[in-house]
Protein backbone atom coordinates (compact mmCIF):
# COMPACT_ATOMS: atom_id res chain seq x y z
CA MET A 1 272.45 149.89 56.74
CA ASP A 2 269.84 151.92 58.73
CA LYS A 3 268.49 153.78 55.45
CA ILE A 4 268.51 150.35 53.71
CA LYS A 5 266.09 148.81 56.60
CA SER A 6 263.92 151.90 56.63
CA TYR A 7 263.52 151.27 52.82
CA GLU A 8 262.51 147.72 53.77
CA LYS A 9 259.86 149.14 56.28
CA GLU A 10 258.73 151.44 54.21
CA LEU A 11 258.37 148.64 51.42
CA ALA A 12 256.41 146.31 53.47
CA PHE A 13 254.35 148.82 55.28
CA GLN A 14 253.23 149.34 51.34
CA ALA A 15 252.74 145.54 51.28
CA ASP A 16 250.49 145.26 54.02
CA ARG A 17 248.33 148.47 53.65
CA ARG A 18 247.66 147.25 49.73
CA LYS A 19 246.89 144.04 50.89
CA ALA A 20 244.45 145.64 54.04
CA THR A 21 242.99 147.76 50.95
CA THR A 22 242.07 144.48 48.82
CA GLU A 23 240.27 143.46 52.19
CA PHE A 24 238.50 146.57 52.06
CA ILE A 25 237.29 146.79 48.68
CA LYS A 26 235.71 142.95 48.85
CA ILE A 27 234.24 143.56 52.30
CA VAL A 28 232.45 146.72 50.70
CA SER A 29 231.77 144.19 47.95
CA ASP A 30 229.85 141.98 49.93
CA LEU A 31 228.40 144.78 51.86
CA TRP A 32 226.95 146.07 49.02
CA TYR A 33 225.44 143.06 46.61
CA ASP A 34 224.50 140.47 49.65
CA LYS A 35 223.20 142.95 52.02
CA SER A 36 222.25 146.29 50.40
CA ILE A 37 224.49 148.01 52.38
CA GLU A 38 226.52 151.29 50.80
CA VAL A 39 229.81 152.70 52.46
CA VAL A 40 231.14 156.08 51.52
CA LEU A 41 234.41 157.68 52.57
CA PHE A 42 233.41 161.38 53.70
CA LYS A 43 230.84 161.09 50.90
CA ASN A 44 232.85 159.63 47.91
CA GLN A 45 232.09 156.70 46.41
CA VAL A 46 233.80 153.08 47.27
CA ILE A 47 232.41 150.68 45.54
CA ASP A 48 233.83 149.59 42.62
CA LYS A 49 236.71 151.38 43.44
CA ASN A 50 240.53 149.96 42.67
CA VAL A 51 243.24 149.39 45.35
CA SER A 52 245.31 153.71 44.37
CA ASP A 53 241.57 155.21 44.81
CA ILE A 54 240.91 153.93 48.36
CA ILE A 55 244.51 154.54 49.37
CA ASN A 56 243.90 158.41 48.29
CA LEU A 57 240.02 158.32 49.46
CA HIS A 58 242.07 157.76 52.43
CA GLN A 59 244.62 160.47 53.14
CA TYR A 60 242.14 162.98 51.74
CA ALA A 61 240.08 161.82 54.26
CA CYS A 62 243.19 162.24 57.30
CA GLU A 63 243.29 165.94 55.58
CA PHE A 64 239.24 166.82 55.88
CA VAL A 65 239.51 166.00 59.91
CA GLN A 66 243.00 166.67 60.69
CA LYS A 67 243.78 162.90 62.40
CA PRO A 68 244.61 160.08 61.26
CA ILE A 69 242.13 157.84 59.17
CA SER A 70 244.05 154.81 58.75
CA ILE A 71 243.27 151.87 56.08
CA PHE A 72 244.19 148.97 58.48
CA ASP A 73 241.21 150.68 61.26
CA SER A 74 238.81 151.03 58.46
CA VAL A 75 238.76 147.08 57.41
CA GLU A 76 238.30 146.74 61.56
CA ILE A 77 234.99 148.24 61.55
CA LEU A 78 234.06 147.13 57.93
CA ARG A 79 234.06 143.57 59.74
CA ALA A 80 232.22 144.07 62.51
CA ILE A 81 229.66 146.34 60.37
CA ASN A 82 229.73 142.44 58.27
CA ASP A 83 229.08 140.73 61.47
CA MET A 84 225.96 142.93 62.60
CA LYS A 85 222.24 142.25 61.16
CA LEU A 86 221.80 145.91 59.34
CA PRO A 87 218.57 146.56 57.09
CA PRO A 88 219.41 147.83 53.94
CA SER A 89 221.93 151.46 54.95
CA LYS A 90 224.11 153.92 53.82
CA LEU A 91 227.29 153.91 56.01
CA ASP A 92 230.80 156.75 55.62
CA ILE A 93 233.31 154.69 57.27
CA GLY A 94 235.35 157.49 57.25
CA LYS A 95 232.87 159.34 59.82
CA LEU A 96 232.81 156.01 61.79
CA THR A 97 236.80 155.56 61.80
CA TYR A 98 237.41 159.26 62.70
CA GLU A 99 234.55 158.84 65.56
CA TYR A 100 236.13 155.29 66.68
CA HIS A 101 239.84 157.38 67.43
CA ALA A 102 237.80 160.65 68.79
CA ASP A 103 235.74 158.11 71.41
CA ASN A 104 238.04 155.14 71.59
CA GLU A 105 239.09 155.47 75.13
CA ASN A 106 235.76 155.29 76.14
CA GLU A 107 234.63 151.80 73.88
CA GLU A 108 236.26 148.52 74.75
CA HIS A 109 236.31 147.34 71.53
CA VAL A 110 235.49 148.11 67.96
CA LYS A 111 232.19 145.90 68.27
CA ALA A 112 230.92 147.74 70.94
CA PHE A 113 231.97 150.86 68.92
CA VAL A 114 229.90 149.84 66.02
CA PHE A 115 227.22 148.58 67.81
CA ASN A 116 226.38 151.88 69.67
CA ARG A 117 226.70 154.05 66.49
CA LEU A 118 224.47 151.88 64.06
CA LYS A 119 221.80 150.46 66.96
CA ASP A 120 219.18 152.81 65.74
CA ALA A 121 219.25 150.41 62.45
CA GLU A 122 217.32 148.03 64.42
CA ILE A 123 214.20 150.04 64.12
CA ALA A 124 214.77 151.43 60.87
CA GLU A 125 211.17 151.65 58.76
CA ILE A 126 211.10 148.86 56.24
CA ILE A 127 211.24 150.32 52.87
CA LYS A 128 209.24 149.42 49.75
CA PRO A 129 210.81 149.66 45.80
CA LYS A 130 209.96 152.12 43.93
CA ASP A 131 209.19 151.89 39.89
CA VAL A 132 210.93 154.84 38.43
CA VAL A 133 210.24 156.26 34.56
CA LEU A 134 212.66 158.80 33.02
CA TYR A 135 210.28 160.89 30.41
CA GLY A 136 213.30 161.93 28.29
CA PHE A 137 216.79 160.75 27.81
CA GLY A 138 218.94 164.17 27.63
CA ARG A 139 221.77 164.84 29.52
CA ILE A 140 220.30 164.39 32.87
CA GLY A 141 218.07 161.91 31.64
CA ARG A 142 220.97 159.73 30.81
CA LEU A 143 223.32 160.19 34.19
CA VAL A 144 220.30 159.68 36.57
CA ALA A 145 219.94 156.36 34.66
CA ARG A 146 223.66 155.22 34.99
CA GLU A 147 223.38 156.04 38.57
CA LEU A 148 220.07 154.31 39.05
CA MET A 149 221.11 151.32 37.67
CA ALA A 150 224.81 151.53 38.89
CA LYS A 151 223.15 151.41 42.25
CA THR A 152 220.45 149.25 42.15
CA GLY A 153 221.36 146.50 43.79
CA LYS A 154 218.79 144.10 45.04
CA GLY A 155 216.17 146.54 44.08
CA ASN A 156 215.48 147.40 47.60
CA GLN A 157 215.39 151.54 46.80
CA MET A 158 214.36 152.64 43.43
CA ARG A 159 213.68 150.50 39.94
CA LEU A 160 214.47 151.94 36.57
CA ARG A 161 211.84 150.60 34.63
CA ALA A 162 211.33 152.36 31.25
CA ILE A 163 212.36 155.39 29.29
CA VAL A 164 209.74 157.60 27.56
CA ILE A 165 211.11 159.03 24.47
CA ARG A 166 209.65 160.46 21.20
CA GLY A 167 209.84 159.36 17.58
CA ALA A 168 209.72 155.93 16.17
CA ILE A 169 211.48 153.03 17.86
CA ASN A 170 213.34 150.88 16.01
CA LYS A 171 217.17 148.90 16.10
CA ASP A 172 218.32 151.92 14.87
CA VAL A 173 217.12 154.18 17.38
CA LEU A 174 217.57 151.78 20.24
CA GLU A 175 221.23 151.12 19.69
CA LYS A 176 221.82 154.88 19.23
CA ARG A 177 220.50 155.38 22.85
CA ALA A 178 222.01 152.32 24.05
CA SER A 179 225.05 154.19 22.93
CA LEU A 180 224.70 157.45 24.22
CA LEU A 181 224.36 155.30 27.38
CA ARG A 182 227.60 153.42 27.23
CA ILE A 183 230.04 156.16 26.12
CA ASP A 184 230.18 159.71 27.30
CA SER A 185 232.31 162.51 26.22
CA ILE A 186 232.49 164.35 29.31
CA HIS A 187 231.66 161.67 32.22
CA GLY A 188 233.48 158.49 30.31
CA GLU A 189 232.42 155.07 29.88
CA PHE A 190 229.74 153.44 32.10
CA ASN A 191 230.39 150.83 34.38
CA GLY A 192 228.30 148.21 33.53
CA THR A 193 226.68 146.77 30.40
CA VAL A 194 224.10 147.95 28.22
CA ALA A 195 223.01 145.55 25.60
CA ILE A 196 219.14 146.34 23.37
CA ASP A 197 216.00 144.24 22.99
CA THR A 198 214.78 144.99 19.71
CA GLU A 199 211.59 142.43 20.10
CA ASN A 200 210.88 144.37 23.02
CA ASN A 201 211.47 147.75 22.62
CA ALA A 202 213.59 147.81 25.24
CA LEU A 203 217.64 148.15 26.64
CA ILE A 204 219.25 145.48 29.01
CA ILE A 205 221.04 147.32 31.53
CA ASN A 206 223.46 145.64 33.41
CA GLY A 207 221.25 142.46 32.96
CA THR A 208 217.57 144.07 33.80
CA THR A 209 215.17 145.04 31.44
CA VAL A 210 214.50 148.96 30.57
CA HIS A 211 211.47 149.40 28.49
CA ILE A 212 211.48 152.37 26.02
CA ILE A 213 208.31 153.79 25.57
CA ASN A 214 207.62 156.16 22.66
CA ALA A 215 204.93 158.69 23.58
CA ASP A 216 204.08 162.15 22.33
CA LYS A 217 201.55 162.57 25.02
CA PRO A 218 202.11 161.87 28.88
CA GLU A 219 198.57 161.16 29.49
CA ASP A 220 197.94 158.56 26.93
CA ILE A 221 200.54 155.77 28.35
CA ASP A 222 199.85 152.41 29.95
CA TYR A 223 202.45 151.87 32.38
CA THR A 224 200.78 148.78 33.81
CA ALA A 225 200.95 147.00 30.30
CA TYR A 226 204.80 147.04 31.24
CA GLY A 227 204.41 146.02 35.08
CA ILE A 228 204.89 149.50 36.07
CA ILE A 229 202.35 150.73 38.98
CA ASN A 230 202.57 153.54 41.12
CA ALA A 231 205.71 155.22 39.41
CA LEU A 232 207.40 158.04 39.94
CA ILE A 233 207.85 159.94 36.76
CA ILE A 234 211.09 161.93 36.47
CA ASP A 235 210.26 164.42 33.58
CA ASN A 236 213.46 165.67 32.49
CA THR A 237 212.29 166.85 29.05
CA GLY A 238 211.73 170.44 30.15
CA ALA A 239 209.34 170.81 27.63
CA PHE A 240 206.45 170.90 30.38
CA ARG A 241 207.23 173.14 33.45
CA ASP A 242 203.80 174.05 34.82
CA LYS A 243 201.48 172.43 37.45
CA ALA A 244 198.33 172.12 35.05
CA ALA A 245 201.16 171.18 31.87
CA LEU A 246 203.25 168.40 34.77
CA SER A 247 199.61 166.75 35.89
CA ARG A 248 199.49 165.24 32.41
CA HIS A 249 201.76 162.76 33.74
CA LEU A 250 198.95 161.54 36.81
CA LYS A 251 196.76 161.05 34.10
CA ALA A 252 199.02 157.53 32.32
CA LYS A 253 197.80 154.73 34.23
CA GLY A 254 200.56 153.04 36.52
CA ALA A 255 201.69 157.12 37.11
CA ALA A 256 201.72 158.12 40.94
CA LYS A 257 204.07 160.97 41.16
CA VAL A 258 206.19 163.45 39.09
CA LEU A 259 209.47 165.20 39.79
CA LEU A 260 210.75 168.08 37.38
CA THR A 261 214.82 168.34 37.36
CA ALA A 262 214.01 172.09 36.09
CA PRO A 263 212.79 175.14 38.06
CA GLY A 264 208.57 174.76 38.19
CA GLN A 265 206.00 177.33 38.43
CA GLY A 266 203.00 176.53 40.53
CA ILE A 267 204.54 173.71 42.56
CA PRO A 268 207.11 172.94 45.49
CA ASN A 269 210.68 174.03 43.78
CA ILE A 270 213.00 172.04 46.46
CA VAL A 271 216.71 171.55 46.99
CA HIS A 272 216.98 168.54 48.86
CA GLY A 273 219.33 169.29 52.50
CA VAL A 274 217.73 172.16 52.69
CA ASN A 275 214.10 172.48 52.45
CA HIS A 276 212.72 168.83 51.44
CA LYS A 277 211.49 168.26 54.89
CA ASP A 278 209.08 171.31 54.47
CA PHE A 279 207.08 169.04 52.08
CA ASP A 280 205.32 166.19 53.09
CA PRO A 281 205.79 164.00 50.28
CA LYS A 282 202.30 161.84 51.15
CA THR A 283 200.57 165.25 50.35
CA ASN A 284 202.72 166.42 47.42
CA LYS A 285 202.67 164.64 44.07
CA ILE A 286 204.48 167.61 41.97
CA CYS A 287 207.01 168.95 42.64
CA SER A 288 210.42 170.21 41.13
CA ALA A 289 214.35 169.67 41.85
CA ALA A 290 215.46 173.22 41.12
CA SER A 291 218.24 174.08 38.57
CA CYS A 292 222.00 173.17 39.04
CA THR A 293 223.13 176.58 40.15
CA THR A 294 219.89 176.63 42.57
CA ASN A 295 221.25 173.32 43.87
CA ALA A 296 225.09 174.89 44.19
CA ILE A 297 224.62 177.89 45.84
CA THR A 298 221.19 177.33 48.10
CA PRO A 299 223.15 175.19 50.96
CA ILE A 300 226.07 177.84 51.14
CA LEU A 301 223.67 180.31 51.58
CA LYS A 302 221.45 178.92 54.03
CA VAL A 303 225.31 177.83 56.12
CA ILE A 304 225.95 181.64 55.75
CA GLU A 305 222.28 182.99 56.58
CA ASP A 306 221.63 180.99 59.78
CA SER A 307 225.83 181.48 61.05
CA LEU A 308 226.49 185.05 60.10
CA GLY A 309 223.61 186.77 58.45
CA VAL A 310 223.34 188.42 55.05
CA VAL A 311 222.62 191.87 54.47
CA LYS A 312 222.64 191.59 50.46
CA GLY A 313 224.94 190.27 47.71
CA HIS A 314 225.50 189.44 44.03
CA ILE A 315 225.65 186.54 42.51
CA GLU A 316 227.08 185.34 39.32
CA THR A 317 227.95 182.70 37.69
CA ILE A 318 230.66 180.69 35.50
CA HIS A 319 228.58 178.38 33.47
CA ALA A 320 229.55 175.50 30.95
CA PHE A 321 227.98 176.39 27.83
CA THR A 322 224.58 174.48 27.60
CA ASN A 323 222.43 172.31 23.84
CA ASP A 324 220.08 175.77 24.08
CA GLN A 325 223.08 177.74 22.88
CA ASN A 326 224.45 177.54 18.93
CA LEU A 327 227.81 176.06 18.13
CA VAL A 328 228.21 178.80 15.67
CA ASP A 329 227.23 182.19 15.00
CA ASN A 330 222.98 181.67 14.33
CA MET A 331 219.86 182.68 14.62
CA HIS A 332 218.27 182.40 18.70
CA ASN A 333 215.53 183.22 20.23
CA LYS A 334 217.35 185.19 23.11
CA TYR A 335 220.30 187.70 22.82
CA ARG A 336 224.06 186.55 22.93
CA ARG A 337 223.09 182.90 23.12
CA GLY A 338 223.00 182.69 19.04
CA ARG A 339 226.97 183.25 19.23
CA ALA A 340 229.33 180.27 19.03
CA ALA A 341 229.55 178.54 22.23
CA THR A 342 232.76 176.69 21.92
CA LEU A 343 234.48 180.41 21.10
CA ASN A 344 233.02 183.21 23.06
CA MET A 345 232.25 183.69 26.77
CA VAL A 346 228.48 184.84 27.11
CA ILE A 347 226.62 187.01 29.37
CA THR A 348 223.31 185.76 29.66
CA GLU A 349 220.61 185.91 32.86
CA THR A 350 219.97 183.19 35.65
CA GLY A 351 217.35 182.63 37.80
CA ALA A 352 219.17 181.48 40.71
CA GLY A 353 219.11 184.42 42.39
CA LYS A 354 215.17 184.67 43.22
CA ALA A 355 215.12 180.80 43.04
CA VAL A 356 216.97 180.56 45.96
CA THR A 357 214.22 182.47 48.19
CA LYS A 358 211.81 179.95 47.17
CA ALA A 359 214.39 177.33 49.53
CA LEU A 360 215.17 180.48 51.77
CA PRO A 361 212.79 183.04 52.15
CA SER A 362 214.63 184.82 54.35
CA LEU A 363 216.92 185.77 51.61
CA ILE A 364 213.77 187.67 49.24
CA GLY A 365 214.94 190.91 47.97
CA LYS A 366 218.42 190.59 49.45
CA LEU A 367 220.11 188.74 46.38
CA THR A 368 220.61 189.60 42.61
CA SER A 369 222.46 187.35 40.14
CA ASN A 370 223.90 186.93 36.26
CA ALA A 371 225.35 184.25 34.58
CA ILE A 372 228.31 183.85 31.85
CA ARG A 373 228.38 180.65 29.81
CA VAL A 374 232.00 180.24 29.10
CA PRO A 375 233.46 177.69 26.43
CA VAL A 376 233.86 174.39 28.71
CA PRO A 377 231.45 171.46 28.09
CA ASN A 378 230.65 170.75 32.02
CA GLY A 379 232.15 172.36 35.16
CA SER A 380 230.54 175.87 36.54
CA LEU A 381 231.67 178.01 39.18
CA ALA A 382 229.35 180.33 41.00
CA ILE A 383 230.70 183.33 42.95
CA LEU A 384 228.91 184.75 46.41
CA ASN A 385 229.70 188.35 46.93
CA LEU A 386 227.87 188.80 50.22
CA GLU A 387 227.78 191.66 52.95
CA VAL A 388 227.11 189.91 56.22
CA THR A 389 225.92 191.36 59.28
CA THR A 390 228.70 189.21 61.89
CA THR A 391 232.07 190.03 61.68
CA THR A 392 234.02 187.14 59.99
CA SER A 393 237.17 186.25 58.97
CA LYS A 394 238.54 184.02 56.34
CA GLU A 395 239.54 181.02 59.32
CA ALA A 396 236.18 181.65 60.80
CA ILE A 397 234.38 180.41 57.66
CA ASN A 398 236.74 177.95 56.61
CA THR A 399 235.75 176.47 59.85
CA LEU A 400 232.49 177.30 59.27
CA MET A 401 232.00 175.43 56.41
CA LYS A 402 234.31 172.46 57.00
CA LYS A 403 232.36 171.79 60.46
CA TYR A 404 229.00 171.56 57.63
CA ALA A 405 230.53 169.84 55.45
CA LEU A 406 231.34 167.13 58.48
CA GLN A 407 228.23 167.14 60.32
CA GLY A 408 224.46 168.02 59.89
CA ASP A 409 221.76 168.40 57.39
CA LEU A 410 224.24 169.32 54.52
CA VAL A 411 226.97 166.48 54.30
CA GLU A 412 225.83 165.50 50.88
CA GLN A 413 225.29 169.12 49.19
CA ILE A 414 229.12 170.15 50.57
CA LYS A 415 232.28 168.81 49.91
CA TYR A 416 235.50 170.84 51.32
CA SER A 417 238.44 171.33 48.92
CA PHE A 418 241.96 172.16 50.14
CA ASN A 419 243.30 171.94 46.79
CA ASN A 420 245.66 175.27 45.59
CA GLU A 421 244.92 174.07 42.70
CA LEU A 422 241.40 173.49 41.91
CA VAL A 423 240.01 174.17 38.30
CA SER A 424 237.01 173.03 36.39
CA SER A 425 237.69 170.09 35.25
CA ASP A 426 238.92 168.56 38.28
CA ILE A 427 234.90 169.07 39.64
CA VAL A 428 234.17 166.51 37.27
CA GLY A 429 232.24 163.71 38.64
CA THR A 430 231.66 164.83 42.22
CA SER A 431 228.46 164.09 43.82
CA ALA A 432 228.31 166.80 46.23
CA PRO A 433 226.34 169.86 44.39
CA SER A 434 228.74 172.43 46.16
CA ILE A 435 232.19 172.10 46.10
CA TYR A 436 233.70 174.88 48.65
CA ASP A 437 236.72 176.09 47.28
CA SER A 438 238.77 177.01 51.08
CA LYS A 439 241.53 178.68 49.28
CA ALA A 440 240.06 180.82 47.35
CA THR A 441 237.46 182.82 49.67
CA ILE A 442 238.38 186.33 50.38
CA VAL A 443 237.28 188.32 52.99
CA SER A 444 237.26 192.40 53.42
CA GLU A 445 239.15 193.84 56.23
CA ASP A 446 236.23 195.04 58.15
CA GLY A 447 235.08 191.29 58.12
CA LYS A 448 231.51 192.64 56.60
CA ASN A 449 232.01 191.87 52.94
CA ILE A 450 232.78 187.88 52.05
CA VAL A 451 233.47 186.00 48.55
CA LEU A 452 233.10 182.46 48.23
CA TYR A 453 233.34 180.18 45.30
CA ILE A 454 231.52 177.24 44.68
CA TRP A 455 232.53 174.82 42.00
CA TYR A 456 229.67 172.27 40.74
CA ASP A 457 229.30 169.73 38.16
CA ASN A 458 226.11 171.00 36.52
CA GLU A 459 225.39 167.59 34.85
CA TYR A 460 226.70 165.19 37.97
CA GLY A 461 226.46 166.62 40.81
CA TYR A 462 223.04 167.79 40.24
CA SER A 463 221.88 164.23 38.85
CA HIS A 464 222.51 162.86 42.55
CA GLN A 465 220.09 165.55 43.96
CA VAL A 466 218.07 164.27 42.00
CA ILE A 467 218.29 161.24 42.99
CA ARG A 468 218.34 162.34 46.38
CA LEU A 469 215.19 164.16 46.11
CA ALA A 470 213.63 160.99 44.10
CA LYS A 471 214.69 158.99 47.31
CA TYR A 472 212.61 161.19 49.41
CA ILE A 473 209.33 161.79 48.00
CA SER A 474 209.58 158.24 47.36
CA LYS A 475 210.19 157.08 50.39
CA VAL A 476 212.84 154.54 50.10
CA ARG A 477 215.40 156.52 52.11
CA ARG A 478 217.27 154.16 53.91
CA PHE A 479 218.92 154.16 57.50
CA THR A 480 222.23 156.31 56.67
CA TYR A 481 224.93 157.17 59.31
CA TYR A 482 226.66 159.95 57.45
């Protein structure tokens, strides 16, 4: 009889928890679509998630902070947030719930706690929406488009207004572009609607017009003819890499700034979260978001350099194959990359070791690097083999990384993984550029040599870094409690 009663209690609790989760989802949606307040749970997106997703994310949160993060507490805090008059914001409900449990002895009520934590939002700077143009529509361009359109909300931050391609535009071209945006072999279906407007040469994404512009030369485009002004041009073609070439974008009418989604020459190479504050958006009209690998390893290297000191090291990246390799053996202008990408592990060079030093000058001359392309379409791994100044241990490094993943300037960049079974397919769709594999860390007996395994979605995680940097240089970063 006791076991039956216990089971009935479990069923009742599960029903109550799922009911509370349904309310959680409703409040999250109301905050986003009515007030442009985006809620996340320890960096994980909760907008447009289902009940099971939210419950699993709360379970991850409990493991992450080693304290109970209850859906019931989260709902209560969300109610308090919904009652406040806040500007467009990005709020981490996991962090708030964790801090509420840590501080509730000194707080009289949830509303008082939430008000004290978010009161600075009332003096947040008013932001002006920024028009965005994607110059090129390849792998990164389409993922950036997906994210921008999925997070448009009321358009308080970035507004995707146009996409520039080469070649004639007709119904067939529009339909193919729309299809590539709708369905992706790696990232699945776009969580929205995509239609074509042949009369105006445009895609209608989630009911919003995005013009498709044909141009061979960036300086020949008149964006103002499409109602686009002071636009940020995100160049993801890879065709223009230095300051002189990228400056051609600024000659177009309606263009104001340029962001390159590749390593650049003669321009600031920025890893958001690490060195973006070193550059004033007012004075730097052209900048680079560096590479996916640089964005993966630089946040981790900053933590190690600042906390332990790096004597020297080697970086080996195990990278998914890319479009510049051949599907079958054929001629290529680089050795080995001509061999069949889906059948071979291919040793090739990477500039990540040197690129890191542009964000972390203290590492100049300390790092070597190389890469191996492997037969997976997405999901990569960087292995950092480092000699450190301060003696350490696996437990100390894991504690250090968890701290930076939970608080500070790198919470958007570092995701801490507890997973004993983590493999490359598991990290596809992760918005953080650095996924720290805590179970794989190796430290030598003398505590001076460490090996760190850093996973990264070389498409999705990098695209989110591009958007973070785009928001910074466009001065549309919202109030955040993150």
